[in-house]
Amino acid sequence: MRDLDETDMEILSLLAEDARRPFSAIGETVGLSGPAVSDRVKRLRESGIINRFTVDVNRKVLRAGVPVFVQVEHAVNSTESLRERLTDVEGVEHVFVTAEGDVWFYGRAENQNVRRWIESLLRDFDVNYSVTLVDQAEWTPSIDGTAFAITCVECGNTVDNEGESARIADRVYHFCCSSCHTKFEKQYQKLEEQA
């Protein structure tokens, strides 16, 4: 497993600014050919560093609903189920779980129906919530000041240059050592046989 280098970080930074930037244009900036950039981006995707390419729509121009920021007070054991519910909802754009386990989210409710929309999202949960209407929102993805570390899928330790990667059933997994790799593969085969 090769560590990320400065070129990888620069490619990530350029993609964060504009994910539609052609690989040839990125290559001119970082001193590589377009195909070499494509190979690096493919490796970054397979490593799980790049999850997806997305569009940042200016909903203000589209007049798409009322922007709200909602802080939810909930039972401690409902954090994960609440987060999962909100992640799959139309209109919820960002879901945050704080270090204390609180769930906050940013979304756009239909005009005139903010309370009803939020209550429909939070039904089945014993919660209290506060709503803040948002005047302006900026989302600027950045990798500045970020140290990337790939974690071992088996034990959660950081994978360094002595780690291993393996493709299992069309997915790439990363391991900090050969014993974690072996343990994971044995468990995977066992589960596959039981399925």
C-alpha atoms as a PDB file:
ATOM      1  CA  MET A   1       0.000   0.000   0.000  1.00  0.00           C
ATOM      2  CA  ARG A   2       1.512   3.277  -1.126  1.00  0.00           C
ATOM      3  CA  ASP A   3       1.054   6.395   1.008  1.00  0.00           C
ATOM      4  CA  LEU A   4      -0.603   9.456  -0.475  1.00  0.00           C
ATOM      5  CA  ASP A   5       1.933  11.867  -1.874  1.00  0.00           C
ATOM      6  CA  GLU A   6       1.822  15.601  -2.591  1.00  0.00           C
ATOM      7  CA  THR A   7       0.562  14.974  -6.120  1.00  0.00           C
ATOM      8  CA  ASP A   8      -2.391  12.950  -4.803  1.00  0.00           C
ATOM      9  CA  MET A   9      -3.201  15.748  -2.366  1.00  0.00           C
ATOM     10  CA  GLU A  10      -3.006  18.341  -5.134  1.00  0.00           C
ATOM     11  CA  ILE A  11      -5.287  16.238  -7.357  1.00  0.00           C
ATOM     12  CA  LEU A  12      -7.796  15.949  -4.491  1.00  0.00           C
ATOM     13  CA  SER A  13      -7.652  19.688  -3.912  1.00  0.00           C
ATOM     14  CA  LEU A  14      -8.294  20.421  -7.604  1.00  0.00           C
ATOM     15  CA  LEU A  15     -11.200  17.962  -7.711  1.00  0.00           C
ATOM     16  CA  ALA A  16     -12.659  19.515  -4.546  1.00  0.00           C
ATOM     17  CA  GLU A  17     -12.683  22.888  -6.333  1.00  0.00           C
ATOM     18  CA  ASP A  18     -14.235  21.461  -9.511  1.00  0.00           C
ATOM     19  CA  ALA A  19     -15.023  17.751  -9.800  1.00  0.00           C
ATOM     20  CA  ARG A  20     -15.722  18.166 -13.533  1.00  0.00           C
ATOM     21  CA  ARG A  21     -12.230  19.431 -14.302  1.00  0.00           C
ATOM     22  CA  PRO A  22     -10.741  17.315 -17.123  1.00  0.00           C
ATOM     23  CA  PHE A  23      -7.890  15.003 -16.174  1.00  0.00           C
ATOM     24  CA  SER A  24      -5.755  16.655 -18.858  1.00  0.00           C
ATOM     25  CA  ALA A  25      -6.201  20.068 -17.166  1.00  0.00           C
ATOM     26  CA  ILE A  26      -5.368  18.546 -13.783  1.00  0.00           C
ATOM     27  CA  GLY A  27      -2.334  16.883 -15.367  1.00  0.00           C
ATOM     28  CA  GLU A  28      -1.052  20.242 -16.660  1.00  0.00           C
ATOM     29  CA  THR A  29      -1.251  21.657 -13.134  1.00  0.00           C
ATOM     30  CA  VAL A  30       0.391  18.722 -11.348  1.00  0.00           C
ATOM     31  CA  GLY A  31       2.900  17.780 -14.063  1.00  0.00           C
ATOM     32  CA  LEU A  32       1.364  14.470 -15.180  1.00  0.00           C
ATOM     33  CA  SER A  33      -0.386  13.218 -18.297  1.00  0.00           C
ATOM     34  CA  GLY A  34      -4.168  12.932 -18.362  1.00  0.00           C
ATOM     35  CA  PRO A  35      -4.030   9.081 -18.258  1.00  0.00           C
ATOM     36  CA  ALA A  36      -1.648   9.209 -15.267  1.00  0.00           C
ATOM     37  CA  VAL A  37      -4.126  11.468 -13.429  1.00  0.00           C
ATOM     38  CA  SER A  38      -6.927   9.075 -14.374  1.00  0.00           C
ATOM     39  CA  ASP A  39      -4.961   6.165 -12.886  1.00  0.00           C
ATOM     40  CA  ARG A  40      -4.404   8.076  -9.644  1.00  0.00           C
ATOM     41  CA  VAL A  41      -8.073   9.052  -9.386  1.00  0.00           C
ATOM     42  CA  LYS A  42      -9.048   5.430  -9.990  1.00  0.00           C
ATOM     43  CA  ARG A  43      -6.699   4.337  -7.190  1.00  0.00           C
ATOM     44  CA  LEU A  44      -8.100   7.021  -4.867  1.00  0.00           C
ATOM     45  CA  ARG A  45     -11.631   5.764  -5.593  1.00  0.00           C
ATOM     46  CA  GLU A  46     -10.673   2.130  -5.051  1.00  0.00           C
ATOM     47  CA  SER A  47      -8.991   3.103  -1.773  1.00  0.00           C
ATOM     48  CA  GLY A  48     -12.210   4.724  -0.583  1.00  0.00           C
ATOM     49  CA  ILE A  49     -10.664   8.193  -0.354  1.00  0.00           C
ATOM     50  CA  ILE A  50     -12.939   9.493  -3.119  1.00  0.00           C
ATOM     51  CA  ASN A  51     -16.459   8.199  -2.534  1.00  0.00           C
ATOM     52  CA  ARG A  52     -18.342   9.961  -5.292  1.00  0.00           C
ATOM     53  CA  PHE A  53     -18.479  12.995  -7.496  1.00  0.00           C
ATOM     54  CA  THR A  54     -21.401  15.273  -6.791  1.00  0.00           C
ATOM     55  CA  VAL A  55     -23.118  18.482  -7.838  1.00  0.00           C
ATOM     56  CA  ASP A  56     -23.518  21.496  -5.569  1.00  0.00           C
ATOM     57  CA  VAL A  57     -26.831  22.995  -6.717  1.00  0.00           C
ATOM     58  CA  ASN A  58     -27.556  26.633  -5.858  1.00  0.00           C
ATOM     59  CA  ARG A  59     -31.061  26.058  -4.511  1.00  0.00           C
ATOM     60  CA  LYS A  60     -31.468  29.765  -3.836  1.00  0.00           C
ATOM     61  CA  VAL A  61     -31.625  30.326  -7.591  1.00  0.00           C
ATOM     62  CA  LEU A  62     -34.114  27.469  -7.951  1.00  0.00           C
ATOM     63  CA  ARG A  63     -36.181  28.769  -5.026  1.00  0.00           C
ATOM     64  CA  ALA A  64     -36.310  25.275  -3.647  1.00  0.00           C
ATOM     65  CA  GLY A  65     -37.766  25.470  -0.162  1.00  0.00           C
ATOM     66  CA  VAL A  66     -36.887  27.112   3.127  1.00  0.00           C
ATOM     67  CA  PRO A  67     -33.321  26.447   4.322  1.00  0.00           C
ATOM     68  CA  VAL A  68     -33.252  25.275   7.947  1.00  0.00           C
ATOM     69  CA  PHE A  69     -30.690  24.023  10.432  1.00  0.00           C
ATOM     70  CA  VAL A  70     -32.204  21.633  12.988  1.00  0.00           C
ATOM     71  CA  GLN A  71     -30.660  20.493  16.277  1.00  0.00           C
ATOM     72  CA  VAL A  72     -32.299  17.361  17.641  1.00  0.00           C
ATOM     73  CA  GLU A  73     -32.309  16.295  21.303  1.00  0.00           C
ATOM     74  CA  HIS A  74     -32.966  12.563  21.419  1.00  0.00           C
ATOM     75  CA  ALA A  75     -32.459   9.426  23.467  1.00  0.00           C
ATOM     76  CA  VAL A  76     -28.825   8.320  23.513  1.00  0.00           C
ATOM     77  CA  ASN A  77     -29.569   4.906  21.998  1.00  0.00           C
ATOM     78  CA  SER A  78     -31.355   6.372  18.948  1.00  0.00           C
ATOM     79  CA  THR A  79     -28.402   8.267  17.406  1.00  0.00           C
ATOM     80  CA  GLU A  80     -27.637   5.760  14.652  1.00  0.00           C
ATOM     81  CA  SER A  81     -31.245   5.043  13.655  1.00  0.00           C
ATOM     82  CA  LEU A  82     -32.018   8.774  13.583  1.00  0.00           C
ATOM     83  CA  ARG A  83     -28.921   9.475  11.474  1.00  0.00           C
ATOM     84  CA  GLU A  84     -29.899   6.693   9.031  1.00  0.00           C
ATOM     85  CA  ARG A  85     -33.460   8.013   8.726  1.00  0.00           C
ATOM     86  CA  LEU A  86     -32.305  11.563   7.971  1.00  0.00           C
ATOM     87  CA  THR A  87     -29.624  10.476   5.499  1.00  0.00           C
ATOM     88  CA  ASP A  88     -32.239   8.932   3.208  1.00  0.00           C
ATOM     89  CA  VAL A  89     -34.721  11.827   3.255  1.00  0.00           C
ATOM     90  CA  GLU A  90     -35.432  14.060   0.269  1.00  0.00           C
ATOM     91  CA  GLY A  91     -34.595  17.648   1.202  1.00  0.00           C
ATOM     92  CA  VAL A  92     -32.007  16.831   3.893  1.00  0.00           C
ATOM     93  CA  GLU A  93     -28.635  17.846   2.481  1.00  0.00           C
ATOM     94  CA  HIS A  94     -26.220  17.396   5.406  1.00  0.00           C
ATOM     95  CA  VAL A  95     -26.459  15.272   8.546  1.00  0.00           C
ATOM     96  CA  PHE A  96     -24.019  15.796  11.421  1.00  0.00           C
ATOM     97  CA  VAL A  97     -23.408  13.661  14.486  1.00  0.00           C
ATOM     98  CA  THR A  98     -21.503  15.571  17.145  1.00  0.00           C
ATOM     99  CA  ALA A  99     -18.868  14.068  19.431  1.00  0.00           C
ATOM    100  CA  GLU A 100     -21.547  14.005  22.152  1.00  0.00           C
ATOM    101  CA  GLY A 101     -23.849  11.960  19.905  1.00  0.00           C
ATOM    102  CA  ASP A 102     -26.272  14.768  19.069  1.00  0.00           C
ATOM    103  CA  VAL A 103     -27.818  14.796  15.601  1.00  0.00           C
ATOM    104  CA  TRP A 104     -28.038  18.045  13.658  1.00  0.00           C
ATOM    105  CA  PHE A 105     -29.082  18.458  10.049  1.00  0.00           C
ATOM    106  CA  TYR A 106     -29.369  21.038   7.316  1.00  0.00           C
ATOM    107  CA  GLY A 107     -32.110  20.807   4.737  1.00  0.00           C
ATOM    108  CA  ARG A 108     -34.782  22.589   2.765  1.00  0.00           C
ATOM    109  CA  ALA A 109     -38.410  22.328   3.770  1.00  0.00           C
ATOM    110  CA  GLU A 110     -41.306  23.114   1.491  1.00  0.00           C
ATOM    111  CA  ASN A 111     -42.465  26.712   1.807  1.00  0.00           C
ATOM    112  CA  GLN A 112     -45.041  27.239   4.567  1.00  0.00           C
ATOM    113  CA  ASN A 113     -44.678  23.647   5.854  1.00  0.00           C
ATOM    114  CA  VAL A 114     -41.470  23.716   7.900  1.00  0.00           C
ATOM    115  CA  ARG A 115     -42.912  22.364  11.170  1.00  0.00           C
ATOM    116  CA  ARG A 116     -44.950  19.660   9.447  1.00  0.00           C
ATOM    117  CA  TRP A 117     -41.929  18.570   7.357  1.00  0.00           C
ATOM    118  CA  ILE A 118     -39.652  18.304  10.398  1.00  0.00           C
ATOM    119  CA  GLU A 119     -42.263  16.452  12.442  1.00  0.00           C
ATOM    120  CA  SER A 120     -42.752  13.957   9.631  1.00  0.00           C
ATOM    121  CA  LEU A 121     -38.994  13.340   9.554  1.00  0.00           C
ATOM    122  CA  LEU A 122     -38.778  12.809  13.301  1.00  0.00           C
ATOM    123  CA  ARG A 123     -41.934  10.756  13.814  1.00  0.00           C
ATOM    124  CA  ASP A 124     -41.304   7.473  15.629  1.00  0.00           C
ATOM    125  CA  PHE A 125     -38.556   9.172  17.687  1.00  0.00           C
ATOM    126  CA  ASP A 126     -38.945  10.688  21.139  1.00  0.00           C
ATOM    127  CA  VAL A 127     -37.220  14.004  20.442  1.00  0.00           C
ATOM    128  CA  ASN A 128     -37.187  17.717  21.038  1.00  0.00           C
ATOM    129  CA  TYR A 129     -35.756  19.957  18.380  1.00  0.00           C
ATOM    130  CA  SER A 130     -34.868  23.536  17.633  1.00  0.00           C
ATOM    131  CA  VAL A 131     -35.019  25.087  14.194  1.00  0.00           C
ATOM    132  CA  THR A 132     -32.935  27.940  12.859  1.00  0.00           C
ATOM    133  CA  LEU A 133     -33.836  29.526   9.548  1.00  0.00           C
ATOM    134  CA  VAL A 134     -30.690  29.881   7.461  1.00  0.00           C
ATOM    135  CA  ASP A 135     -30.044  33.126   5.617  1.00  0.00           C
ATOM    136  CA  GLN A 136     -26.916  32.043   3.745  1.00  0.00           C
ATOM    137  CA  ALA A 137     -25.060  28.743   3.503  1.00  0.00           C
ATOM    138  CA  GLU A 138     -21.672  28.043   1.994  1.00  0.00           C
ATOM    139  CA  TRP A 139     -20.267  24.604   1.403  1.00  0.00           C
ATOM    140  CA  THR A 140     -16.619  24.653   0.434  1.00  0.00           C
ATOM    141  CA  PRO A 141     -15.084  21.192   0.351  1.00  0.00           C
ATOM    142  CA  SER A 142     -11.419  21.382   1.183  1.00  0.00           C
ATOM    143  CA  ILE A 143      -8.630  18.999   2.009  1.00  0.00           C
ATOM    144  CA  ASP A 144      -6.362  21.681   3.467  1.00  0.00           C
ATOM    145  CA  GLY A 145      -5.094  20.802   6.911  1.00  0.00           C
ATOM    146  CA  THR A 146      -6.292  17.231   6.559  1.00  0.00           C
ATOM    147  CA  ALA A 147      -4.081  14.276   7.173  1.00  0.00           C
ATOM    148  CA  PHE A 148      -5.342  11.244   5.335  1.00  0.00           C
ATOM    149  CA  ALA A 149      -5.045   7.872   6.927  1.00  0.00           C
ATOM    150  CA  ILE A 150      -6.451   4.680   5.548  1.00  0.00           C
ATOM    151  CA  THR A 151      -7.685   2.381   8.284  1.00  0.00           C
ATOM    152  CA  CYS A 152      -7.444  -1.376   8.470  1.00  0.00           C
ATOM    153  CA  VAL A 153     -10.817  -2.949   7.738  1.00  0.00           C
ATOM    154  CA  GLU A 154     -10.102  -5.690  10.278  1.00  0.00           C
ATOM    155  CA  CYS A 155      -8.749  -3.888  13.359  1.00  0.00           C
ATOM    156  CA  GLY A 156      -9.131  -0.161  12.628  1.00  0.00           C
ATOM    157  CA  ASN A 157      -5.422   0.662  12.903  1.00  0.00           C
ATOM    158  CA  THR A 158      -3.794   3.036  10.433  1.00  0.00           C
ATOM    159  CA  VAL A 159      -2.487   1.392   7.265  1.00  0.00           C
ATOM    160  CA  ASP A 160       1.006   2.586   6.478  1.00  0.00           C
ATOM    161  CA  ASN A 161       3.415   1.704   3.662  1.00  0.00           C
ATOM    162  CA  GLU A 162       3.914  -1.757   5.187  1.00  0.00           C
ATOM    163  CA  GLY A 163       0.192  -2.529   4.923  1.00  0.00           C
ATOM    164  CA  GLU A 164      -1.526  -4.669   2.342  1.00  0.00           C
ATOM    165  CA  SER A 165      -4.440  -4.247  -0.020  1.00  0.00           C
ATOM    166  CA  ALA A 166      -6.554  -6.993  -1.535  1.00  0.00           C
ATOM    167  CA  ARG A 167      -9.439  -7.162  -3.976  1.00  0.00           C
ATOM    168  CA  ILE A 168     -12.126  -9.450  -2.597  1.00  0.00           C
ATOM    169  CA  ALA A 169     -15.369  -9.882  -4.554  1.00  0.00           C
ATOM    170  CA  ASP A 170     -14.755  -6.756  -6.687  1.00  0.00           C
ATOM    171  CA  ARG A 171     -14.001  -4.521  -3.708  1.00  0.00           C
ATOM    172  CA  VAL A 172     -10.622  -3.299  -2.462  1.00  0.00           C
ATOM    173  CA  TYR A 173      -9.873  -3.764   1.240  1.00  0.00           C
ATOM    174  CA  HIS A 174      -6.889  -2.368   3.169  1.00  0.00           C
ATOM    175  CA  PHE A 175      -5.053  -4.077   6.030  1.00  0.00           C
ATOM    176  CA  CYS A 176      -2.352  -2.868   8.411  1.00  0.00           C
ATOM    177  CA  CYS A 177      -0.583  -6.263   8.403  1.00  0.00           C
ATOM    178  CA  SER A 178      -0.705  -9.726   6.878  1.00  0.00           C
ATOM    179  CA  SER A 179      -2.323 -11.264   9.976  1.00  0.00           C
ATOM    180  CA  CYS A 180      -5.307  -8.869   9.695  1.00  0.00           C
ATOM    181  CA  HIS A 181      -5.513  -9.654   5.983  1.00  0.00           C
ATOM    182  CA  THR A 182      -5.543 -13.421   6.671  1.00  0.00           C
ATOM    183  CA  LYS A 183      -8.061 -13.104   9.518  1.00  0.00           C
ATOM    184  CA  PHE A 184     -10.412 -10.995   7.374  1.00  0.00           C
ATOM    185  CA  GLU A 185     -10.238 -13.369   4.392  1.00  0.00           C
ATOM    186  CA  LYS A 186     -10.951 -16.416   6.585  1.00  0.00           C
ATOM    187  CA  GLN A 187     -13.956 -14.683   8.141  1.00  0.00           C
ATOM    188  CA  TYR A 188     -15.166 -13.528   4.709  1.00  0.00           C
ATOM    189  CA  GLN A 189     -14.922 -17.072   3.289  1.00  0.00           C
ATOM    190  CA  LYS A 190     -16.722 -18.479   6.331  1.00  0.00           C
ATOM    191  CA  LEU A 191     -19.600 -16.003   5.921  1.00  0.00           C
ATOM    192  CA  GLU A 192     -19.767 -16.672   2.191  1.00  0.00           C
ATOM    193  CA  GLU A 193     -20.025 -20.420   2.795  1.00  0.00           C
ATOM    194  CA  GLN A 194     -22.844 -19.877   5.297  1.00  0.00           C
ATOM    195  CA  ALA A 195     -24.811 -17.648   2.922  1.00  0.00           C
END
